[in-house]
Amino acid sequence: MKIGFALPQFHRQAYGIARTAAFASAIEEAGGASLWVGDRNLAAVHPVVGYGGQGNTIPEELNPAADPFVLLGVAASATSRVLLGSHVLVAPLYPPVQLARSLTTIDLISGGRLLPGFGVGWSPEEYRAAGVDFRRRGARMDELLDALHAIWTTDPAQYEGDQLSVPEHHSPLKPARQPRPPFYLGALSERALRRVARRGDGWLPLAVVPSYVDVDGLVAQRSLLDELARQNGRDPRAIDTVLRVNIDAGTSTEKVADTVKEVHSRTGIDHFVVDSMYDVDTVEGSLEHARRILELVGKG
């Protein structure tokens, strides 16, 4: 199994981001496989849609949010082996040229270790703040993937779609990963899984320990994804899976490790990213938490 961890980005850990380089280096030394960021451009005071598209509230833990691109760049320069991922960037919020430039820079600094993960998000206020139509975010995501592919694989590069337009421009600086970094995509609904089946190099599901661990649901979703991939003429084995594991406050590291091992055993998922922002207040505490989980999973 590969066990990765979220960088200090949200909640009280965000106030310790000056320790990001030290945290990243220590996770690599402890045997962690990857380091990850999420994305929150803003947390609305009076949201029309709540967290994850449910209700009308957003957890206060998401109010402080550090920049994901800067954190990945810092982690890239402080490490030499671990993969560096986003689970997930709300990609349609970003202009394609700027998104490609930021991710290319991180991939080059890291020597090709970037796993860019994208999702369409659920917050209308985030889209309003970015000047982007929330209702067309799915179609914008599809065009964004096309635009990124063009920017990363051609020179000069250009793209013309219904929502996005990238003028022909010089594009000699390419990512280290060839022909381009992989597209990892978050998906829960069948519609989103269809996008993964058509376009994704990886799938990014979510669990919360202990309040939301639906192993049967993960198995069913992966089975549907595999079938959809075959319908699109793709080998399902070419689509990786990385499961994000958020930890509820007060959950023991033993419970987290046991859950990871159970999910691995029942689903075959072998790459997990553990996020302690709801449970641990400090960067140092998060690091000790990570070391303990690695120890417990290794013993299993």
C-alpha atoms as a PDB file:
ATOM      1  CA  MET A   1       0.000   0.000   0.000  1.00  0.00           C
ATOM      2  CA  LYS A   2       0.948   3.613  -0.581  1.00  0.00           C
ATOM      3  CA  ILE A   3      -0.023   6.017   2.193  1.00  0.00           C
ATOM      4  CA  GLY A   4       0.043   9.742   1.544  1.00  0.00           C
ATOM      5  CA  PHE A   5      -0.866  12.732   3.689  1.00  0.00           C
ATOM      6  CA  ALA A   6      -2.421  16.156   3.286  1.00  0.00           C
ATOM      7  CA  LEU A   7      -0.107  19.125   3.579  1.00  0.00           C
ATOM      8  CA  PRO A   8      -0.954  21.713   6.269  1.00  0.00           C
ATOM      9  CA  GLN A   9      -3.524  23.816   4.404  1.00  0.00           C
ATOM     10  CA  PHE A  10      -6.821  24.161   6.245  1.00  0.00           C
ATOM     11  CA  HIS A  11      -8.211  24.924   9.709  1.00  0.00           C
ATOM     12  CA  ARG A  12      -5.659  25.562  12.452  1.00  0.00           C
ATOM     13  CA  GLN A  13      -2.931  23.752  10.527  1.00  0.00           C
ATOM     14  CA  ALA A  14      -3.072  26.567   7.958  1.00  0.00           C
ATOM     15  CA  TYR A  15      -1.521  28.934  10.495  1.00  0.00           C
ATOM     16  CA  GLY A  16       1.552  26.693  10.550  1.00  0.00           C
ATOM     17  CA  ILE A  17       2.274  26.696   6.814  1.00  0.00           C
ATOM     18  CA  ALA A  18       5.749  28.087   7.470  1.00  0.00           C
ATOM     19  CA  ARG A  19       6.510  24.485   8.488  1.00  0.00           C
ATOM     20  CA  THR A  20       5.390  23.053   5.115  1.00  0.00           C
ATOM     21  CA  ALA A  21       8.903  22.256   3.852  1.00  0.00           C
ATOM     22  CA  ALA A  22       9.890  20.578   7.114  1.00  0.00           C
ATOM     23  CA  PHE A  23       6.606  18.628   7.173  1.00  0.00           C
ATOM     24  CA  ALA A  24       7.048  17.438   3.594  1.00  0.00           C
ATOM     25  CA  SER A  25      10.629  16.349   4.159  1.00  0.00           C
ATOM     26  CA  ALA A  26       9.712  14.513   7.361  1.00  0.00           C
ATOM     27  CA  ILE A  27       6.817  12.661   5.704  1.00  0.00           C
ATOM     28  CA  GLU A  28       9.146  11.470   2.944  1.00  0.00           C
ATOM     29  CA  GLU A  29      11.727  10.355   5.497  1.00  0.00           C
ATOM     30  CA  ALA A  30       9.057   8.478   7.474  1.00  0.00           C
ATOM     31  CA  GLY A  31       8.064   6.472   4.395  1.00  0.00           C
ATOM     32  CA  GLY A  32       5.037   8.374   3.149  1.00  0.00           C
ATOM     33  CA  ALA A  33       4.260   7.851  -0.525  1.00  0.00           C
ATOM     34  CA  SER A  34       2.654  11.163  -1.426  1.00  0.00           C
ATOM     35  CA  LEU A  35       1.678  14.671  -0.303  1.00  0.00           C
ATOM     36  CA  TRP A  36      -1.605  16.342  -1.188  1.00  0.00           C
ATOM     37  CA  VAL A  37      -3.556  19.586  -1.264  1.00  0.00           C
ATOM     38  CA  GLY A  38      -7.217  20.430  -1.626  1.00  0.00           C
ATOM     39  CA  ASP A  39      -8.819  23.621  -2.881  1.00  0.00           C
ATOM     40  CA  ARG A  40     -11.076  26.231  -1.310  1.00  0.00           C
ATOM     41  CA  ASN A  41     -11.117  29.659  -2.925  1.00  0.00           C
ATOM     42  CA  LEU A  42     -13.556  30.911  -0.320  1.00  0.00           C
ATOM     43  CA  ALA A  43     -16.049  29.637   2.248  1.00  0.00           C
ATOM     44  CA  ALA A  44     -19.221  31.698   1.936  1.00  0.00           C
ATOM     45  CA  VAL A  45     -20.767  33.104   5.122  1.00  0.00           C
ATOM     46  CA  HIS A  46     -24.284  32.371   3.844  1.00  0.00           C
ATOM     47  CA  PRO A  47     -23.825  29.579   1.270  1.00  0.00           C
ATOM     48  CA  VAL A  48     -26.615  28.743  -1.129  1.00  0.00           C
ATOM     49  CA  VAL A  49     -25.225  25.202  -1.310  1.00  0.00           C
ATOM     50  CA  GLY A  50     -23.436  23.549   1.596  1.00  0.00           C
ATOM     51  CA  TYR A  51     -20.359  21.355   1.831  1.00  0.00           C
ATOM     52  CA  GLY A  52     -20.239  18.629  -0.775  1.00  0.00           C
ATOM     53  CA  GLY A  53     -23.477  19.907  -2.330  1.00  0.00           C
ATOM     54  CA  GLN A  54     -25.524  19.069   0.768  1.00  0.00           C
ATOM     55  CA  GLY A  55     -27.495  21.410   3.028  1.00  0.00           C
ATOM     56  CA  ASN A  56     -26.518  25.070   3.450  1.00  0.00           C
ATOM     57  CA  THR A  57     -23.520  25.073   5.777  1.00  0.00           C
ATOM     58  CA  ILE A  58     -19.766  24.772   5.307  1.00  0.00           C
ATOM     59  CA  PRO A  59     -17.526  23.379   8.079  1.00  0.00           C
ATOM     60  CA  GLU A  60     -15.607  26.128   9.846  1.00  0.00           C
ATOM     61  CA  GLU A  61     -12.440  24.079   9.299  1.00  0.00           C
ATOM     62  CA  LEU A  62     -12.514  25.246   5.663  1.00  0.00           C
ATOM     63  CA  ASN A  63     -12.560  28.959   6.492  1.00  0.00           C
ATOM     64  CA  PRO A  64      -8.745  29.325   6.601  1.00  0.00           C
ATOM     65  CA  ALA A  65      -7.306  28.010   3.333  1.00  0.00           C
ATOM     66  CA  ALA A  66      -3.716  28.305   2.086  1.00  0.00           C
ATOM     67  CA  ASP A  67      -2.849  28.387  -1.613  1.00  0.00           C
ATOM     68  CA  PRO A  68      -2.564  24.854  -3.055  1.00  0.00           C
ATOM     69  CA  PHE A  69      -0.088  25.708  -5.820  1.00  0.00           C
ATOM     70  CA  VAL A  70       2.359  27.413  -3.470  1.00  0.00           C
ATOM     71  CA  LEU A  71       2.190  24.519  -1.006  1.00  0.00           C
ATOM     72  CA  LEU A  72       2.856  21.937  -3.728  1.00  0.00           C
ATOM     73  CA  GLY A  73       5.783  24.008  -4.993  1.00  0.00           C
ATOM     74  CA  VAL A  74       7.286  24.185  -1.500  1.00  0.00           C
ATOM     75  CA  ALA A  75       6.781  20.437  -1.019  1.00  0.00           C
ATOM     76  CA  ALA A  76       8.324  19.736  -4.426  1.00  0.00           C
ATOM     77  CA  SER A  77      11.495  21.613  -3.522  1.00  0.00           C
ATOM     78  CA  ALA A  78      11.756  19.930  -0.106  1.00  0.00           C
ATOM     79  CA  THR A  79      11.421  16.325  -1.337  1.00  0.00           C
ATOM     80  CA  SER A  80      12.893  14.021  -3.959  1.00  0.00           C
ATOM     81  CA  ARG A  81      10.702  10.909  -4.030  1.00  0.00           C
ATOM     82  CA  VAL A  82       7.081  11.414  -2.912  1.00  0.00           C
ATOM     83  CA  LEU A  83       4.308  12.033  -5.394  1.00  0.00           C
ATOM     84  CA  LEU A  84       2.582  15.428  -5.215  1.00  0.00           C
ATOM     85  CA  GLY A  85      -1.150  15.557  -5.805  1.00  0.00           C
ATOM     86  CA  SER A  86      -4.337  17.575  -5.537  1.00  0.00           C
ATOM     87  CA  HIS A  87      -7.480  15.917  -4.257  1.00  0.00           C
ATOM     88  CA  VAL A  88      -8.967  18.075  -5.706  1.00  0.00           C
ATOM     89  CA  LEU A  89      -8.465  21.408  -7.437  1.00  0.00           C
ATOM     90  CA  VAL A  90     -11.763  23.023  -8.464  1.00  0.00           C
ATOM     91  CA  ALA A  91     -10.298  23.278 -11.935  1.00  0.00           C
ATOM     92  CA  PRO A  92     -13.076  25.135 -13.831  1.00  0.00           C
ATOM     93  CA  LEU A  93     -12.432  28.183 -11.635  1.00  0.00           C
ATOM     94  CA  TYR A  94      -9.041  28.719 -13.274  1.00  0.00           C
ATOM     95  CA  PRO A  95      -8.116  30.030 -16.732  1.00  0.00           C
ATOM     96  CA  PRO A  96      -6.434  27.160 -18.603  1.00  0.00           C
ATOM     97  CA  VAL A  97      -3.204  28.989 -19.436  1.00  0.00           C
ATOM     98  CA  GLN A  98      -2.603  30.012 -15.820  1.00  0.00           C
ATOM     99  CA  LEU A  99      -3.545  26.557 -14.521  1.00  0.00           C
ATOM    100  CA  ALA A 100      -1.199  24.889 -17.007  1.00  0.00           C
ATOM    101  CA  ARG A 101       1.629  27.277 -16.112  1.00  0.00           C
ATOM    102  CA  SER A 102       1.313  26.658 -12.364  1.00  0.00           C
ATOM    103  CA  LEU A 103       1.117  22.882 -12.731  1.00  0.00           C
ATOM    104  CA  THR A 104       3.955  22.759 -15.259  1.00  0.00           C
ATOM    105  CA  THR A 105       6.159  24.697 -12.842  1.00  0.00           C
ATOM    106  CA  ILE A 106       5.404  22.286  -9.990  1.00  0.00           C
ATOM    107  CA  ASP A 107       5.963  19.252 -12.190  1.00  0.00           C
ATOM    108  CA  LEU A 108       9.327  20.558 -13.378  1.00  0.00           C
ATOM    109  CA  ILE A 109      10.488  21.465  -9.866  1.00  0.00           C
ATOM    110  CA  SER A 110       9.562  17.970  -8.692  1.00  0.00           C
ATOM    111  CA  GLY A 111      11.054  16.142 -11.658  1.00  0.00           C
ATOM    112  CA  GLY A 112       7.728  14.774 -12.896  1.00  0.00           C
ATOM    113  CA  ARG A 113       6.075  13.773  -9.624  1.00  0.00           C
ATOM    114  CA  LEU A 114       2.810  15.706 -10.060  1.00  0.00           C
ATOM    115  CA  LEU A 115      -0.613  13.990  -9.906  1.00  0.00           C
ATOM    116  CA  PRO A 116      -3.064  16.802 -10.695  1.00  0.00           C
ATOM    117  CA  GLY A 117      -6.535  15.948  -9.449  1.00  0.00           C
ATOM    118  CA  PHE A 118      -9.533  17.966 -10.614  1.00  0.00           C
ATOM    119  CA  GLY A 119     -13.173  18.318  -9.597  1.00  0.00           C
ATOM    120  CA  VAL A 120     -16.066  20.583 -10.580  1.00  0.00           C
ATOM    121  CA  GLY A 121     -16.846  21.702  -7.017  1.00  0.00           C
ATOM    122  CA  TRP A 122     -20.166  22.464  -5.381  1.00  0.00           C
ATOM    123  CA  SER A 123     -20.040  26.141  -4.310  1.00  0.00           C
ATOM    124  CA  PRO A 124     -21.930  28.697  -6.452  1.00  0.00           C
ATOM    125  CA  GLU A 125     -20.242  31.486  -4.495  1.00  0.00           C
ATOM    126  CA  GLU A 126     -16.772  30.296  -5.510  1.00  0.00           C
ATOM    127  CA  TYR A 127     -17.824  30.400  -9.153  1.00  0.00           C
ATOM    128  CA  ARG A 128     -19.424  33.828  -8.754  1.00  0.00           C
ATOM    129  CA  ALA A 129     -16.221  35.181  -7.201  1.00  0.00           C
ATOM    130  CA  ALA A 130     -14.238  33.824 -10.191  1.00  0.00           C
ATOM    131  CA  GLY A 131     -16.704  35.214 -12.736  1.00  0.00           C
ATOM    132  CA  VAL A 132     -17.561  31.728 -14.017  1.00  0.00           C
ATOM    133  CA  ASP A 133     -21.010  30.238 -14.701  1.00  0.00           C
ATOM    134  CA  PHE A 134     -21.676  27.600 -12.021  1.00  0.00           C
ATOM    135  CA  ARG A 135     -24.408  25.961 -14.099  1.00  0.00           C
ATOM    136  CA  ARG A 136     -21.988  25.083 -16.936  1.00  0.00           C
ATOM    137  CA  ARG A 137     -19.121  23.820 -14.798  1.00  0.00           C
ATOM    138  CA  GLY A 138     -19.261  20.254 -16.153  1.00  0.00           C
ATOM    139  CA  ALA A 139     -18.953  21.377 -19.777  1.00  0.00           C
ATOM    140  CA  ARG A 140     -16.226  23.827 -18.772  1.00  0.00           C
ATOM    141  CA  MET A 141     -14.294  20.972 -17.135  1.00  0.00           C
ATOM    142  CA  ASP A 142     -14.408  18.957 -20.345  1.00  0.00           C
ATOM    143  CA  GLU A 143     -13.076  21.901 -22.337  1.00  0.00           C
ATOM    144  CA  LEU A 144     -10.449  22.621 -19.709  1.00  0.00           C
ATOM    145  CA  LEU A 145      -9.045  19.095 -20.049  1.00  0.00           C
ATOM    146  CA  ASP A 146      -8.852  19.577 -23.804  1.00  0.00           C
ATOM    147  CA  ALA A 147      -7.129  22.932 -23.387  1.00  0.00           C
ATOM    148  CA  LEU A 148      -4.593  21.566 -20.900  1.00  0.00           C
ATOM    149  CA  HIS A 149      -3.816  18.666 -23.213  1.00  0.00           C
ATOM    150  CA  ALA A 150      -3.211  21.076 -26.083  1.00  0.00           C
ATOM    151  CA  ILE A 151      -0.994  23.384 -24.014  1.00  0.00           C
ATOM    152  CA  TRP A 152       1.016  20.479 -22.637  1.00  0.00           C
ATOM    153  CA  THR A 153       1.531  18.569 -25.872  1.00  0.00           C
ATOM    154  CA  THR A 154       1.826  21.124 -28.704  1.00  0.00           C
ATOM    155  CA  ASP A 155       3.958  24.167 -29.507  1.00  0.00           C
ATOM    156  CA  PRO A 156       2.634  26.574 -30.625  1.00  0.00           C
ATOM    157  CA  ALA A 157      -0.514  25.726 -28.669  1.00  0.00           C
ATOM    158  CA  GLN A 158      -4.107  26.896 -29.023  1.00  0.00           C
ATOM    159  CA  TYR A 159      -7.630  25.832 -28.130  1.00  0.00           C
ATOM    160  CA  GLU A 160     -11.078  27.003 -29.151  1.00  0.00           C
ATOM    161  CA  GLY A 161     -14.249  25.797 -27.440  1.00  0.00           C
ATOM    162  CA  ASP A 162     -17.689  27.103 -26.538  1.00  0.00           C
ATOM    163  CA  GLN A 163     -16.554  28.361 -23.122  1.00  0.00           C
ATOM    164  CA  LEU A 164     -12.777  28.568 -23.364  1.00  0.00           C
ATOM    165  CA  SER A 165     -10.537  30.225 -25.905  1.00  0.00           C
ATOM    166  CA  VAL A 166      -6.745  30.051 -25.858  1.00  0.00           C
ATOM    167  CA  PRO A 167      -5.064  32.063 -28.651  1.00  0.00           C
ATOM    168  CA  GLU A 168      -2.197  30.452 -30.498  1.00  0.00           C
ATOM    169  CA  HIS A 169       0.887  31.080 -28.413  1.00  0.00           C
ATOM    170  CA  HIS A 170       4.445  29.907 -27.891  1.00  0.00           C
ATOM    171  CA  SER A 171       4.444  26.976 -25.474  1.00  0.00           C
ATOM    172  CA  PRO A 172       7.973  25.523 -25.316  1.00  0.00           C
ATOM    173  CA  LEU A 173       8.088  24.925 -21.546  1.00  0.00           C
ATOM    174  CA  LYS A 174       6.568  21.487 -21.017  1.00  0.00           C
ATOM    175  CA  PRO A 175       6.057  19.353 -17.907  1.00  0.00           C
ATOM    176  CA  ALA A 176       8.703  16.793 -17.022  1.00  0.00           C
ATOM    177  CA  ARG A 177       6.066  14.037 -17.233  1.00  0.00           C
ATOM    178  CA  GLN A 178       5.584  13.096 -20.873  1.00  0.00           C
ATOM    179  CA  PRO A 179       3.445  13.322 -22.874  1.00  0.00           C
ATOM    180  CA  ARG A 180       1.637  15.210 -20.054  1.00  0.00           C
ATOM    181  CA  PRO A 181       0.813  14.859 -16.361  1.00  0.00           C
ATOM    182  CA  PRO A 182      -2.066  12.434 -15.748  1.00  0.00           C
ATOM    183  CA  PHE A 183      -5.628  13.647 -15.246  1.00  0.00           C
ATOM    184  CA  TYR A 184      -7.030  12.430 -11.916  1.00  0.00           C
ATOM    185  CA  LEU A 185     -10.729  13.260 -11.530  1.00  0.00           C
ATOM    186  CA  GLY A 186     -13.023  13.351  -8.534  1.00  0.00           C
ATOM    187  CA  ALA A 187     -16.362  11.617  -9.114  1.00  0.00           C
ATOM    188  CA  LEU A 188     -19.312  10.376  -7.072  1.00  0.00           C
ATOM    189  CA  SER A 189     -22.242  10.528  -9.487  1.00  0.00           C
ATOM    190  CA  GLU A 190     -22.661   8.337 -12.561  1.00  0.00           C
ATOM    191  CA  ARG A 191     -22.325  11.406 -14.767  1.00  0.00           C
ATOM    192  CA  ALA A 192     -18.966  12.273 -13.220  1.00  0.00           C
ATOM    193  CA  LEU A 193     -17.816   8.651 -13.403  1.00  0.00           C
ATOM    194  CA  ARG A 194     -18.563   8.739 -17.130  1.00  0.00           C
ATOM    195  CA  ARG A 195     -16.076  11.607 -17.452  1.00  0.00           C
ATOM    196  CA  VAL A 196     -13.466   9.559 -15.592  1.00  0.00           C
ATOM    197  CA  ALA A 197     -14.145   6.615 -17.883  1.00  0.00           C
ATOM    198  CA  ARG A 198     -13.679   8.804 -20.984  1.00  0.00           C
ATOM    199  CA  ARG A 199     -10.892  11.121 -19.866  1.00  0.00           C
ATOM    200  CA  GLY A 200      -9.380  10.130 -16.559  1.00  0.00           C
ATOM    201  CA  ASP A 201      -6.034   8.548 -15.811  1.00  0.00           C
ATOM    202  CA  GLY A 202      -7.152   8.226 -12.200  1.00  0.00           C
ATOM    203  CA  TRP A 203     -10.271   8.319 -10.009  1.00  0.00           C
ATOM    204  CA  LEU A 204     -10.431  10.221  -6.691  1.00  0.00           C
ATOM    205  CA  PRO A 205     -13.127   8.970  -4.293  1.00  0.00           C
ATOM    206  CA  LEU A 206     -13.609   9.979  -0.643  1.00  0.00           C
ATOM    207  CA  ALA A 207     -14.201   8.354   2.756  1.00  0.00           C
ATOM    208  CA  VAL A 208     -14.559   9.835   6.236  1.00  0.00           C
ATOM    209  CA  VAL A 209     -13.443   7.768   9.242  1.00  0.00           C
ATOM    210  CA  PRO A 210     -15.531   6.657  11.001  1.00  0.00           C
ATOM    211  CA  SER A 211     -18.688   8.493   9.893  1.00  0.00           C
ATOM    212  CA  TYR A 212     -18.690   7.663   6.169  1.00  0.00           C
ATOM    213  CA  VAL A 213     -16.902   4.530   5.060  1.00  0.00           C
ATOM    214  CA  ASP A 214     -19.048   2.903   2.369  1.00  0.00           C
ATOM    215  CA  VAL A 215     -16.911   0.009   1.195  1.00  0.00           C
ATOM    216  CA  ASP A 216     -19.763  -1.603  -0.734  1.00  0.00           C
ATOM    217  CA  GLY A 217     -20.390   1.738  -2.425  1.00  0.00           C
ATOM    218  CA  LEU A 218     -16.735   2.021  -3.436  1.00  0.00           C
ATOM    219  CA  VAL A 219     -16.829  -1.475  -4.918  1.00  0.00           C
ATOM    220  CA  ALA A 220     -20.023  -0.658  -6.838  1.00  0.00           C
ATOM    221  CA  GLN A 221     -18.655   2.652  -8.125  1.00  0.00           C
ATOM    222  CA  ARG A 222     -15.424   1.069  -9.261  1.00  0.00           C
ATOM    223  CA  SER A 223     -17.340  -1.726 -10.989  1.00  0.00           C
ATOM    224  CA  LEU A 224     -19.448   0.858 -12.832  1.00  0.00           C
ATOM    225  CA  LEU A 225     -16.335   2.848 -13.742  1.00  0.00           C
ATOM    226  CA  ASP A 226     -14.673  -0.266 -15.147  1.00  0.00           C
ATOM    227  CA  GLU A 227     -17.727  -1.071 -17.262  1.00  0.00           C
ATOM    228  CA  LEU A 228     -17.958   2.505 -18.535  1.00  0.00           C
ATOM    229  CA  ALA A 229     -14.267   2.438 -19.411  1.00  0.00           C
ATOM    230  CA  ARG A 230     -14.724  -0.738 -21.444  1.00  0.00           C
ATOM    231  CA  GLN A 231     -17.681   0.888 -23.243  1.00  0.00           C
ATOM    232  CA  ASN A 232     -15.309   3.704 -24.202  1.00  0.00           C
ATOM    233  CA  GLY A 233     -12.729   1.261 -25.550  1.00  0.00           C
ATOM    234  CA  ARG A 234     -10.386   1.694 -22.586  1.00  0.00           C
ATOM    235  CA  ASP A 235      -8.652  -0.797 -20.334  1.00  0.00           C
ATOM    236  CA  PRO A 236      -9.991  -0.196 -16.795  1.00  0.00           C
ATOM    237  CA  ARG A 237      -6.590  -1.154 -15.407  1.00  0.00           C
ATOM    238  CA  ALA A 238      -5.232   2.062 -16.932  1.00  0.00           C
ATOM    239  CA  ILE A 239      -7.368   4.111 -14.505  1.00  0.00           C
ATOM    240  CA  ASP A 240      -5.715   4.445 -11.093  1.00  0.00           C
ATOM    241  CA  THR A 241      -7.553   5.071  -7.793  1.00  0.00           C
ATOM    242  CA  VAL A 242      -6.475   7.249  -4.860  1.00  0.00           C
ATOM    243  CA  LEU A 243      -8.886   7.304  -1.902  1.00  0.00           C
ATOM    244  CA  ARG A 244      -8.956  10.397   0.287  1.00  0.00           C
ATOM    245  CA  VAL A 245      -9.545   9.555   3.958  1.00  0.00           C
ATOM    246  CA  ASN A 246     -10.738  12.460   6.085  1.00  0.00           C
ATOM    247  CA  ILE A 247     -10.585  11.859   9.832  1.00  0.00           C
ATOM    248  CA  ASP A 248     -13.396  12.858  12.170  1.00  0.00           C
ATOM    249  CA  ALA A 249     -12.383  14.679  15.347  1.00  0.00           C
ATOM    250  CA  GLY A 250     -11.523  12.310  18.180  1.00  0.00           C
ATOM    251  CA  THR A 251     -10.755   9.296  15.979  1.00  0.00           C
ATOM    252  CA  SER A 252      -7.847   7.118  17.070  1.00  0.00           C
ATOM    253  CA  THR A 253      -4.958   6.429  14.738  1.00  0.00           C
ATOM    254  CA  GLU A 254      -5.650   2.713  15.281  1.00  0.00           C
ATOM    255  CA  LYS A 255      -9.148   3.178  13.841  1.00  0.00           C
ATOM    256  CA  VAL A 256      -7.772   5.030  10.822  1.00  0.00           C
ATOM    257  CA  ALA A 257      -5.145   2.372  10.151  1.00  0.00           C
ATOM    258  CA  ASP A 258      -7.644  -0.465  10.571  1.00  0.00           C
ATOM    259  CA  THR A 259     -10.050   1.226   8.147  1.00  0.00           C
ATOM    260  CA  VAL A 260      -7.341   1.734   5.530  1.00  0.00           C
ATOM    261  CA  LYS A 261      -6.348  -1.935   5.773  1.00  0.00           C
ATOM    262  CA  GLU A 262      -9.985  -3.090   5.546  1.00  0.00           C
ATOM    263  CA  VAL A 263     -10.737  -0.927   2.506  1.00  0.00           C
ATOM    264  CA  HIS A 264      -7.554  -2.153   0.823  1.00  0.00           C
ATOM    265  CA  SER A 265      -8.459  -5.751   1.516  1.00  0.00           C
ATOM    266  CA  ARG A 266     -12.038  -5.473   0.228  1.00  0.00           C
ATOM    267  CA  THR A 267     -11.565  -3.121  -2.739  1.00  0.00           C
ATOM    268  CA  GLY A 268      -7.985  -3.553  -3.892  1.00  0.00           C
ATOM    269  CA  ILE A 269      -7.370   0.201  -3.591  1.00  0.00           C
ATOM    270  CA  ASP A 270      -3.699   0.572  -2.751  1.00  0.00           C
ATOM    271  CA  HIS A 271      -3.134   4.345  -2.546  1.00  0.00           C
ATOM    272  CA  PHE A 272      -4.647   6.423   0.260  1.00  0.00           C
ATOM    273  CA  VAL A 273      -4.295  10.055   1.272  1.00  0.00           C
ATOM    274  CA  VAL A 274      -5.015  10.776   4.937  1.00  0.00           C
ATOM    275  CA  ASP A 275      -6.181  14.258   5.972  1.00  0.00           C
ATOM    276  CA  SER A 276      -6.156  15.117   9.669  1.00  0.00           C
ATOM    277  CA  MET A 277      -7.388  18.728   9.464  1.00  0.00           C
ATOM    278  CA  TYR A 278     -10.604  17.967  11.379  1.00  0.00           C
ATOM    279  CA  ASP A 279      -8.776  16.098  14.119  1.00  0.00           C
ATOM    280  CA  VAL A 280      -5.330  17.681  14.612  1.00  0.00           C
ATOM    281  CA  ASP A 281      -4.645  21.371  15.227  1.00  0.00           C
ATOM    282  CA  THR A 282      -0.898  21.692  14.607  1.00  0.00           C
ATOM    283  CA  VAL A 283       1.592  20.760  11.903  1.00  0.00           C
ATOM    284  CA  GLU A 284       3.714  18.931  14.464  1.00  0.00           C
ATOM    285  CA  GLY A 285       0.658  17.000  15.650  1.00  0.00           C
ATOM    286  CA  SER A 286      -0.227  16.092  12.078  1.00  0.00           C
ATOM    287  CA  LEU A 287       3.285  14.781  11.515  1.00  0.00           C
ATOM    288  CA  GLU A 288       3.188  12.593  14.613  1.00  0.00           C
ATOM    289  CA  HIS A 289      -0.247  11.364  13.566  1.00  0.00           C
ATOM    290  CA  ALA A 290       1.138  10.439  10.133  1.00  0.00           C
ATOM    291  CA  ARG A 291       4.123   8.605  11.559  1.00  0.00           C
ATOM    292  CA  ARG A 292       1.861   6.555  13.798  1.00  0.00           C
ATOM    293  CA  ILE A 293      -0.443   5.606  10.925  1.00  0.00           C
ATOM    294  CA  LEU A 294       2.507   4.535   8.779  1.00  0.00           C
ATOM    295  CA  GLU A 295       3.766   2.404  11.656  1.00  0.00           C
ATOM    296  CA  LEU A 296       0.380   0.760  12.213  1.00  0.00           C
ATOM    297  CA  VAL A 297      -0.336   0.101   8.540  1.00  0.00           C
ATOM    298  CA  GLY A 298       3.164  -1.284   8.086  1.00  0.00           C
ATOM    299  CA  LYS A 299       2.603  -3.705  10.918  1.00  0.00           C
ATOM    300  CA  GLY A 300      -0.523  -4.971   9.183  1.00  0.00           C
END
